[in-house]
Amino acid sequence: MLKKLFKYEFRFYRRWILLSYAILAAVLTLARVSTVVANYIAETKVAPTLTAIAFLPMGFLYIMSGIVVVLVPALPVILLAFRFYKNLVRDEGYLSFTLPVKPSSHLFCKTLTSFLFTVVSFLVAAVLLFLAVTVGPGFTSSLKSVGRELSTIFSDADAVIFAVEILLSMLAALVAEIVLIAFSISVGQLSQKHKLLFSILAYLVVNFGINILSNVISVFFMIFMTASNLIISDLLTMTPVFVSGIALNLIVAIVLYLLSSKILTDKLNLE
């Protein structure tokens, strides 16, 4: 039954995610075309007014591209909040919880699906943005330049460790954010009349507490490194900060996940 849950969840996400990819590709393509046209008009040295007019749509499309590039990786998380709230704690919850699966299975399916689509969407957005910037006469040289940069990075062990730390930090933060959304909605559904409002309040309060704890830990390590005369510019000097941040996010994710599962199992309120 869990396999069927993933099947329907993936089907829902795929429809919206593919649409977001198409929109992003279209906006980036239009932005690139507008750039080529504007530069051509500027190089031909026609009337300044015409040149200014040509750069207006380019600026607008650049702004739109930036917005869509941000929204595409964020969309799976937004869909999680919508899907979790609608399917589990509103009217559809009656149907969802009559299925022969545990509440924890619903929680696992929805959070994992959102995580996977967020990671994939980030990679797709990065690739489309790279292609929009580099495709053209100098595309081959751009690829070679990127290859040389990556080769330089991977030849430095400290730089590789630093990059891995950043990657793991981002993934841990994403996991914590996704589980926090699920937990907030699980807490909010305990309210009789204002489920959405209490879900938002729960998110803000818990997120505020996590940020304070994270800042306290970061300040502690910065004070420790300063007192120990460690060189802040050294890449590996920041390893304790990264490790503590990763550990904090994973601990928060595990605790909130278990609490969410407990609430949905023992304190479900569909009224």
C-alpha atoms as a PDB file:
ATOM      1  CA  MET A   1       0.000   0.000   0.000  1.00  0.00           C
ATOM      2  CA  LEU A   2       2.923   2.326   0.693  1.00  0.00           C
ATOM      3  CA  LYS A   3       3.995   1.833  -2.912  1.00  0.00           C
ATOM      4  CA  LYS A   4       0.582   3.065  -4.081  1.00  0.00           C
ATOM      5  CA  LEU A   5       0.858   6.102  -1.820  1.00  0.00           C
ATOM      6  CA  PHE A   6       4.150   7.019  -3.487  1.00  0.00           C
ATOM      7  CA  LYS A   7       2.629   6.388  -6.922  1.00  0.00           C
ATOM      8  CA  TYR A   8      -0.205   8.875  -6.393  1.00  0.00           C
ATOM      9  CA  GLU A   9       2.044  11.353  -4.625  1.00  0.00           C
ATOM     10  CA  PHE A  10       4.575  11.280  -7.464  1.00  0.00           C
ATOM     11  CA  ARG A  11       1.787  11.655 -10.000  1.00  0.00           C
ATOM     12  CA  PHE A  12       0.510  14.801  -8.272  1.00  0.00           C
ATOM     13  CA  TYR A  13       3.976  16.332  -7.947  1.00  0.00           C
ATOM     14  CA  ARG A  14       5.072  15.417 -11.466  1.00  0.00           C
ATOM     15  CA  ARG A  15       2.256  17.403 -13.067  1.00  0.00           C
ATOM     16  CA  TRP A  16       3.151  20.639 -11.291  1.00  0.00           C
ATOM     17  CA  ILE A  17       6.920  20.172 -11.287  1.00  0.00           C
ATOM     18  CA  LEU A  18       7.158  19.523 -15.028  1.00  0.00           C
ATOM     19  CA  LEU A  19       5.031  22.600 -15.641  1.00  0.00           C
ATOM     20  CA  SER A  20       7.416  24.676 -13.507  1.00  0.00           C
ATOM     21  CA  TYR A  21      10.390  23.342 -15.499  1.00  0.00           C
ATOM     22  CA  ALA A  22       8.703  24.328 -18.760  1.00  0.00           C
ATOM     23  CA  ILE A  23       7.943  27.822 -17.444  1.00  0.00           C
ATOM     24  CA  LEU A  24      11.522  28.250 -16.228  1.00  0.00           C
ATOM     25  CA  ALA A  25      12.963  27.098 -19.569  1.00  0.00           C
ATOM     26  CA  ALA A  26      10.641  29.471 -21.451  1.00  0.00           C
ATOM     27  CA  VAL A  27      11.451  32.486 -19.259  1.00  0.00           C
ATOM     28  CA  LEU A  28      15.208  31.847 -19.416  1.00  0.00           C
ATOM     29  CA  THR A  29      15.040  31.417 -23.194  1.00  0.00           C
ATOM     30  CA  LEU A  30      13.133  34.685 -23.606  1.00  0.00           C
ATOM     31  CA  ALA A  31      15.616  36.437 -21.299  1.00  0.00           C
ATOM     32  CA  ARG A  32      18.537  35.168 -23.386  1.00  0.00           C
ATOM     33  CA  VAL A  33      16.877  36.170 -26.665  1.00  0.00           C
ATOM     34  CA  SER A  34      16.037  39.620 -25.307  1.00  0.00           C
ATOM     35  CA  THR A  35      19.663  40.030 -24.232  1.00  0.00           C
ATOM     36  CA  VAL A  36      20.951  39.148 -27.698  1.00  0.00           C
ATOM     37  CA  VAL A  37      18.472  41.529 -29.346  1.00  0.00           C
ATOM     38  CA  ALA A  38      19.223  44.372 -26.930  1.00  0.00           C
ATOM     39  CA  ASN A  39      22.980  43.982 -27.362  1.00  0.00           C
ATOM     40  CA  TYR A  40      22.619  43.895 -31.143  1.00  0.00           C
ATOM     41  CA  ILE A  41      20.585  47.111 -31.132  1.00  0.00           C
ATOM     42  CA  ALA A  42      23.117  48.744 -28.812  1.00  0.00           C
ATOM     43  CA  GLU A  43      26.018  47.720 -31.073  1.00  0.00           C
ATOM     44  CA  THR A  44      24.323  49.120 -34.185  1.00  0.00           C
ATOM     45  CA  LYS A  45      24.227  52.519 -32.427  1.00  0.00           C
ATOM     46  CA  VAL A  46      20.687  53.379 -33.438  1.00  0.00           C
ATOM     47  CA  ALA A  47      18.605  56.003 -31.663  1.00  0.00           C
ATOM     48  CA  PRO A  48      19.236  56.032 -27.879  1.00  0.00           C
ATOM     49  CA  THR A  49      15.475  55.875 -27.270  1.00  0.00           C
ATOM     50  CA  LEU A  50      15.167  52.641 -29.237  1.00  0.00           C
ATOM     51  CA  THR A  51      18.135  51.185 -27.393  1.00  0.00           C
ATOM     52  CA  ALA A  52      16.566  52.047 -24.028  1.00  0.00           C
ATOM     53  CA  ILE A  53      13.270  50.503 -25.101  1.00  0.00           C
ATOM     54  CA  ALA A  54      15.066  47.318 -26.165  1.00  0.00           C
ATOM     55  CA  PHE A  55      16.645  46.951 -22.722  1.00  0.00           C
ATOM     56  CA  LEU A  56      13.314  47.307 -20.868  1.00  0.00           C
ATOM     57  CA  PRO A  57      11.959  43.807 -21.672  1.00  0.00           C
ATOM     58  CA  MET A  58      15.411  42.374 -20.982  1.00  0.00           C
ATOM     59  CA  GLY A  59      15.390  43.830 -17.470  1.00  0.00           C
ATOM     60  CA  PHE A  60      11.853  42.596 -16.848  1.00  0.00           C
ATOM     61  CA  LEU A  61      12.706  39.090 -18.048  1.00  0.00           C
ATOM     62  CA  TYR A  62      15.839  39.049 -15.880  1.00  0.00           C
ATOM     63  CA  ILE A  63      13.693  39.817 -12.843  1.00  0.00           C
ATOM     64  CA  MET A  64      11.167  37.156 -13.843  1.00  0.00           C
ATOM     65  CA  SER A  65      13.969  34.649 -14.379  1.00  0.00           C
ATOM     66  CA  GLY A  66      15.339  35.299 -10.904  1.00  0.00           C
ATOM     67  CA  ILE A  67      11.903  34.819  -9.352  1.00  0.00           C
ATOM     68  CA  VAL A  68      11.183  31.591 -11.246  1.00  0.00           C
ATOM     69  CA  VAL A  69      14.669  30.182 -10.552  1.00  0.00           C
ATOM     70  CA  VAL A  70      13.951  30.587  -6.831  1.00  0.00           C
ATOM     71  CA  LEU A  71      10.379  29.297  -7.027  1.00  0.00           C
ATOM     72  CA  VAL A  72      11.149  26.099  -8.947  1.00  0.00           C
ATOM     73  CA  PRO A  73      13.182  24.454  -6.124  1.00  0.00           C
ATOM     74  CA  ALA A  74      10.744  25.881  -3.552  1.00  0.00           C
ATOM     75  CA  LEU A  75       7.650  24.514  -5.290  1.00  0.00           C
ATOM     76  CA  PRO A  76       7.903  20.939  -3.913  1.00  0.00           C
ATOM     77  CA  VAL A  77       8.014  22.317  -0.368  1.00  0.00           C
ATOM     78  CA  ILE A  78       4.982  24.517  -1.096  1.00  0.00           C
ATOM     79  CA  LEU A  79       3.183  21.504  -2.552  1.00  0.00           C
ATOM     80  CA  LEU A  80       4.022  19.532   0.593  1.00  0.00           C
ATOM     81  CA  ALA A  81       2.280  22.109   2.782  1.00  0.00           C
ATOM     82  CA  PHE A  82      -0.762  22.156   0.478  1.00  0.00           C
ATOM     83  CA  ARG A  83      -0.900  18.380   0.062  1.00  0.00           C
ATOM     84  CA  PHE A  84      -0.318  17.582   3.730  1.00  0.00           C
ATOM     85  CA  TYR A  85      -2.959  20.041   4.910  1.00  0.00           C
ATOM     86  CA  LYS A  86      -5.575  19.065   2.324  1.00  0.00           C
ATOM     87  CA  ASN A  87      -5.096  15.279   2.366  1.00  0.00           C
ATOM     88  CA  LEU A  88      -4.499  14.620   6.034  1.00  0.00           C
ATOM     89  CA  VAL A  89      -6.080  17.240   8.273  1.00  0.00           C
ATOM     90  CA  ARG A  90      -9.002  18.554   6.215  1.00  0.00           C
ATOM     91  CA  ASP A  91     -12.022  16.697   4.802  1.00  0.00           C
ATOM     92  CA  GLU A  92      -9.898  14.343   2.696  1.00  0.00           C
ATOM     93  CA  GLY A  93      -8.323  13.119   5.923  1.00  0.00           C
ATOM     94  CA  TYR A  94     -11.325  10.898   6.548  1.00  0.00           C
ATOM     95  CA  LEU A  95     -10.574   9.030   3.342  1.00  0.00           C
ATOM     96  CA  SER A  96      -6.794   9.041   3.749  1.00  0.00           C
ATOM     97  CA  PHE A  97      -6.869   7.539   7.222  1.00  0.00           C
ATOM     98  CA  THR A  98      -9.311   4.799   6.237  1.00  0.00           C
ATOM     99  CA  LEU A  99      -6.604   3.329   4.003  1.00  0.00           C
ATOM    100  CA  PRO A 100      -4.840   0.253   5.447  1.00  0.00           C
ATOM    101  CA  VAL A 101      -1.623   2.146   6.227  1.00  0.00           C
ATOM    102  CA  LYS A 102      -0.284   3.717   9.377  1.00  0.00           C
ATOM    103  CA  PRO A 103      -0.320   7.508   9.809  1.00  0.00           C
ATOM    104  CA  SER A 104       3.463   7.337   9.906  1.00  0.00           C
ATOM    105  CA  SER A 105       3.388   5.931   6.360  1.00  0.00           C
ATOM    106  CA  HIS A 106       1.485   8.985   5.126  1.00  0.00           C
ATOM    107  CA  LEU A 107       4.021  11.198   6.877  1.00  0.00           C
ATOM    108  CA  PHE A 108       6.979   9.311   5.423  1.00  0.00           C
ATOM    109  CA  CYS A 109       5.553   9.280   1.901  1.00  0.00           C
ATOM    110  CA  LYS A 110       4.770  12.993   1.760  1.00  0.00           C
ATOM    111  CA  THR A 111       8.004  14.234   3.347  1.00  0.00           C
ATOM    112  CA  LEU A 112      10.269  11.953   1.297  1.00  0.00           C
ATOM    113  CA  THR A 113       8.490  12.831  -1.957  1.00  0.00           C
ATOM    114  CA  SER A 114       8.883  16.537  -1.263  1.00  0.00           C
ATOM    115  CA  PHE A 115      12.566  16.083  -0.407  1.00  0.00           C
ATOM    116  CA  LEU A 116      13.347  14.143  -3.593  1.00  0.00           C
ATOM    117  CA  PHE A 117      11.518  16.571  -5.882  1.00  0.00           C
ATOM    118  CA  THR A 118      13.164  19.555  -4.187  1.00  0.00           C
ATOM    119  CA  VAL A 119      16.651  18.141  -4.783  1.00  0.00           C
ATOM    120  CA  VAL A 120      15.854  17.278  -8.406  1.00  0.00           C
ATOM    121  CA  SER A 121      14.241  20.691  -8.999  1.00  0.00           C
ATOM    122  CA  PHE A 122      17.312  22.464  -7.620  1.00  0.00           C
ATOM    123  CA  LEU A 123      19.557  20.528 -10.015  1.00  0.00           C
ATOM    124  CA  VAL A 124      17.255  21.149 -12.982  1.00  0.00           C
ATOM    125  CA  ALA A 125      17.066  24.878 -12.210  1.00  0.00           C
ATOM    126  CA  ALA A 126      20.866  25.045 -11.931  1.00  0.00           C
ATOM    127  CA  VAL A 127      21.365  23.245 -15.263  1.00  0.00           C
ATOM    128  CA  LEU A 128      18.783  25.372 -17.093  1.00  0.00           C
ATOM    129  CA  LEU A 129      20.308  28.565 -15.684  1.00  0.00           C
ATOM    130  CA  PHE A 130      23.790  27.451 -16.731  1.00  0.00           C
ATOM    131  CA  LEU A 131      22.595  26.644 -20.255  1.00  0.00           C
ATOM    132  CA  ALA A 132      20.754  29.965 -20.542  1.00  0.00           C
ATOM    133  CA  VAL A 133      23.933  31.840 -19.627  1.00  0.00           C
ATOM    134  CA  THR A 134      26.466  29.828 -21.620  1.00  0.00           C
ATOM    135  CA  VAL A 135      24.734  28.485 -24.746  1.00  0.00           C
ATOM    136  CA  GLY A 136      26.069  30.327 -27.770  1.00  0.00           C
ATOM    137  CA  PRO A 137      29.313  30.790 -29.682  1.00  0.00           C
ATOM    138  CA  GLY A 138      31.399  30.437 -26.518  1.00  0.00           C
ATOM    139  CA  PHE A 139      29.563  27.392 -25.126  1.00  0.00           C
ATOM    140  CA  THR A 140      32.470  24.982 -25.614  1.00  0.00           C
ATOM    141  CA  SER A 141      34.959  27.319 -23.986  1.00  0.00           C
ATOM    142  CA  SER A 142      32.529  27.854 -21.073  1.00  0.00           C
ATOM    143  CA  LEU A 143      32.324  24.103 -20.516  1.00  0.00           C
ATOM    144  CA  LYS A 144      36.096  23.839 -20.582  1.00  0.00           C
ATOM    145  CA  SER A 145      36.395  26.717 -18.110  1.00  0.00           C
ATOM    146  CA  VAL A 146      33.924  25.062 -15.730  1.00  0.00           C
ATOM    147  CA  GLY A 147      35.800  21.787 -16.115  1.00  0.00           C
ATOM    148  CA  ARG A 148      39.101  23.465 -15.200  1.00  0.00           C
ATOM    149  CA  GLU A 149      37.519  25.113 -12.154  1.00  0.00           C
ATOM    150  CA  LEU A 150      36.062  21.827 -10.957  1.00  0.00           C
ATOM    151  CA  SER A 151      39.383  20.090 -11.556  1.00  0.00           C
ATOM    152  CA  THR A 152      41.125  22.739  -9.460  1.00  0.00           C
ATOM    153  CA  ILE A 153      38.587  22.351  -6.654  1.00  0.00           C
ATOM    154  CA  PHE A 154      38.750  18.560  -6.570  1.00  0.00           C
ATOM    155  CA  SER A 155      42.535  18.616  -6.563  1.00  0.00           C
ATOM    156  CA  ASP A 156      42.436  20.416  -3.210  1.00  0.00           C
ATOM    157  CA  ALA A 157      41.393  18.050  -0.411  1.00  0.00           C
ATOM    158  CA  ASP A 158      40.393  20.916   1.900  1.00  0.00           C
ATOM    159  CA  ALA A 159      38.207  22.458  -0.791  1.00  0.00           C
ATOM    160  CA  VAL A 160      36.507  19.098  -1.414  1.00  0.00           C
ATOM    161  CA  ILE A 161      35.782  18.648   2.290  1.00  0.00           C
ATOM    162  CA  PHE A 162      34.474  22.210   2.474  1.00  0.00           C
ATOM    163  CA  ALA A 163      32.180  21.617  -0.529  1.00  0.00           C
ATOM    164  CA  VAL A 164      30.886  18.367   0.982  1.00  0.00           C
ATOM    165  CA  GLU A 165      30.195  20.169   4.261  1.00  0.00           C
ATOM    166  CA  ILE A 166      28.178  22.837   2.441  1.00  0.00           C
ATOM    167  CA  LEU A 167      26.238  20.181   0.526  1.00  0.00           C
ATOM    168  CA  LEU A 168      25.442  18.154   3.644  1.00  0.00           C
ATOM    169  CA  SER A 169      24.463  21.329   5.487  1.00  0.00           C
ATOM    170  CA  MET A 170      22.018  22.247   2.729  1.00  0.00           C
ATOM    171  CA  LEU A 171      20.501  18.753   2.665  1.00  0.00           C
ATOM    172  CA  ALA A 172      20.179  18.616   6.453  1.00  0.00           C
ATOM    173  CA  ALA A 173      18.544  22.058   6.487  1.00  0.00           C
ATOM    174  CA  LEU A 174      16.131  20.935   3.766  1.00  0.00           C
ATOM    175  CA  VAL A 175      15.168  17.816   5.722  1.00  0.00           C
ATOM    176  CA  ALA A 176      14.577  19.880   8.858  1.00  0.00           C
ATOM    177  CA  GLU A 177      12.482  22.431   6.921  1.00  0.00           C
ATOM    178  CA  ILE A 178      10.282  19.764   5.327  1.00  0.00           C
ATOM    179  CA  VAL A 179       9.690  17.944   8.614  1.00  0.00           C
ATOM    180  CA  LEU A 180       9.033  21.266  10.362  1.00  0.00           C
ATOM    181  CA  ILE A 181       6.225  22.018   7.895  1.00  0.00           C
ATOM    182  CA  ALA A 182       4.687  18.586   8.484  1.00  0.00           C
ATOM    183  CA  PHE A 183       5.012  19.020  12.258  1.00  0.00           C
ATOM    184  CA  SER A 184       3.461  22.494  12.185  1.00  0.00           C
ATOM    185  CA  ILE A 185       0.414  21.241  10.296  1.00  0.00           C
ATOM    186  CA  SER A 186       0.174  18.232  12.637  1.00  0.00           C
ATOM    187  CA  VAL A 187       0.111  20.598  15.617  1.00  0.00           C
ATOM    188  CA  GLY A 188      -2.256  23.025  13.916  1.00  0.00           C
ATOM    189  CA  GLN A 189      -4.850  20.335  13.262  1.00  0.00           C
ATOM    190  CA  LEU A 190      -5.314  19.978  17.026  1.00  0.00           C
ATOM    191  CA  SER A 191      -7.279  23.218  16.915  1.00  0.00           C
ATOM    192  CA  GLN A 192     -11.031  22.888  16.488  1.00  0.00           C
ATOM    193  CA  LYS A 193     -11.672  25.917  14.272  1.00  0.00           C
ATOM    194  CA  HIS A 194      -8.416  27.584  13.206  1.00  0.00           C
ATOM    195  CA  LYS A 195      -6.203  24.760  11.929  1.00  0.00           C
ATOM    196  CA  LEU A 196      -4.418  26.836   9.291  1.00  0.00           C
ATOM    197  CA  LEU A 197      -3.758  29.746  11.639  1.00  0.00           C
ATOM    198  CA  PHE A 198      -2.396  27.501  14.371  1.00  0.00           C
ATOM    199  CA  SER A 199      -0.256  25.660  11.809  1.00  0.00           C
ATOM    200  CA  ILE A 200       1.338  28.952  10.758  1.00  0.00           C
ATOM    201  CA  LEU A 201       1.852  30.007  14.378  1.00  0.00           C
ATOM    202  CA  ALA A 202       3.416  26.642  15.221  1.00  0.00           C
ATOM    203  CA  TYR A 203       5.790  26.999  12.280  1.00  0.00           C
ATOM    204  CA  LEU A 204       6.839  30.522  13.258  1.00  0.00           C
ATOM    205  CA  VAL A 205       7.374  29.667  16.927  1.00  0.00           C
ATOM    206  CA  VAL A 206       9.357  26.462  16.321  1.00  0.00           C
ATOM    207  CA  ASN A 207      11.383  28.019  13.512  1.00  0.00           C
ATOM    208  CA  PHE A 208      12.213  30.992  15.744  1.00  0.00           C
ATOM    209  CA  GLY A 209      13.395  28.642  18.500  1.00  0.00           C
ATOM    210  CA  ILE A 210      15.549  26.639  16.083  1.00  0.00           C
ATOM    211  CA  ASN A 211      17.142  29.817  14.710  1.00  0.00           C
ATOM    212  CA  ILE A 212      17.993  31.036  18.209  1.00  0.00           C
ATOM    213  CA  LEU A 213      19.539  27.684  19.120  1.00  0.00           C
ATOM    214  CA  SER A 214      21.496  27.615  15.860  1.00  0.00           C
ATOM    215  CA  ASN A 215      22.813  31.146  16.401  1.00  0.00           C
ATOM    216  CA  VAL A 216      23.839  30.330  19.974  1.00  0.00           C
ATOM    217  CA  ILE A 217      25.799  27.297  18.785  1.00  0.00           C
ATOM    218  CA  SER A 218      27.451  29.303  15.990  1.00  0.00           C
ATOM    219  CA  VAL A 219      28.463  32.090  18.381  1.00  0.00           C
ATOM    220  CA  PHE A 220      29.840  29.524  20.812  1.00  0.00           C
ATOM    221  CA  PHE A 221      32.089  28.008  18.152  1.00  0.00           C
ATOM    222  CA  MET A 222      33.191  31.418  16.884  1.00  0.00           C
ATOM    223  CA  ILE A 223      34.182  32.417  20.435  1.00  0.00           C
ATOM    224  CA  PHE A 224      35.957  29.102  20.879  1.00  0.00           C
ATOM    225  CA  MET A 225      37.898  29.504  17.620  1.00  0.00           C
ATOM    226  CA  THR A 226      38.837  33.077  18.472  1.00  0.00           C
ATOM    227  CA  ALA A 227      40.022  32.093  21.958  1.00  0.00           C
ATOM    228  CA  SER A 228      42.024  29.227  20.455  1.00  0.00           C
ATOM    229  CA  ASN A 229      43.682  31.573  17.916  1.00  0.00           C
ATOM    230  CA  LEU A 230      42.355  29.513  15.012  1.00  0.00           C
ATOM    231  CA  ILE A 231      42.525  31.078  11.551  1.00  0.00           C
ATOM    232  CA  ILE A 232      39.005  31.869  10.408  1.00  0.00           C
ATOM    233  CA  SER A 233      40.038  31.982   6.753  1.00  0.00           C
ATOM    234  CA  ASP A 234      41.157  28.343   6.825  1.00  0.00           C
ATOM    235  CA  LEU A 235      38.438  26.287   5.124  1.00  0.00           C
ATOM    236  CA  LEU A 236      38.581  23.436   7.624  1.00  0.00           C
ATOM    237  CA  THR A 237      38.370  25.828  10.554  1.00  0.00           C
ATOM    238  CA  MET A 238      34.634  26.043   9.910  1.00  0.00           C
ATOM    239  CA  THR A 239      34.171  22.272  10.095  1.00  0.00           C
ATOM    240  CA  PRO A 240      32.921  22.295  13.729  1.00  0.00           C
ATOM    241  CA  VAL A 241      30.321  24.917  12.782  1.00  0.00           C
ATOM    242  CA  PHE A 242      29.132  22.870   9.810  1.00  0.00           C
ATOM    243  CA  VAL A 243      29.072  19.628  11.795  1.00  0.00           C
ATOM    244  CA  SER A 244      27.139  21.210  14.657  1.00  0.00           C
ATOM    245  CA  GLY A 245      24.653  22.732  12.203  1.00  0.00           C
ATOM    246  CA  ILE A 246      24.153  19.415  10.419  1.00  0.00           C
ATOM    247  CA  ALA A 247      23.739  17.583  13.729  1.00  0.00           C
ATOM    248  CA  LEU A 248      21.263  20.171  15.008  1.00  0.00           C
ATOM    249  CA  ASN A 249      19.125  20.009  11.874  1.00  0.00           C
ATOM    250  CA  LEU A 250      19.086  16.205  11.858  1.00  0.00           C
ATOM    251  CA  ILE A 251      18.218  16.022  15.562  1.00  0.00           C
ATOM    252  CA  VAL A 252      15.437  18.575  15.079  1.00  0.00           C
ATOM    253  CA  ALA A 253      14.148  16.649  12.052  1.00  0.00           C
ATOM    254  CA  ILE A 254      14.111  13.328  13.934  1.00  0.00           C
ATOM    255  CA  VAL A 255      12.402  14.781  17.017  1.00  0.00           C
ATOM    256  CA  LEU A 256       9.775  16.668  15.005  1.00  0.00           C
ATOM    257  CA  TYR A 257       9.180  13.661  12.763  1.00  0.00           C
ATOM    258  CA  LEU A 258       8.544  11.382  15.753  1.00  0.00           C
ATOM    259  CA  LEU A 259       6.286  13.984  17.358  1.00  0.00           C
ATOM    260  CA  SER A 260       4.353  14.420  14.110  1.00  0.00           C
ATOM    261  CA  SER A 261       3.863  10.669  13.819  1.00  0.00           C
ATOM    262  CA  LYS A 262       2.710  10.497  17.446  1.00  0.00           C
ATOM    263  CA  ILE A 263       0.215  13.348  16.982  1.00  0.00           C
ATOM    264  CA  LEU A 264      -1.248  11.917  13.775  1.00  0.00           C
ATOM    265  CA  THR A 265      -1.556   8.498  15.428  1.00  0.00           C
ATOM    266  CA  ASP A 266      -2.969   9.447  18.839  1.00  0.00           C
ATOM    267  CA  LYS A 267      -4.275  13.013  18.545  1.00  0.00           C
ATOM    268  CA  LEU A 268      -5.806  13.192  15.080  1.00  0.00           C
ATOM    269  CA  ASN A 269      -8.576  15.779  14.927  1.00  0.00           C
ATOM    270  CA  LEU A 270     -10.574  15.892  11.693  1.00  0.00           C
ATOM    271  CA  GLU A 271     -13.511  17.893  13.082  1.00  0.00           C
END
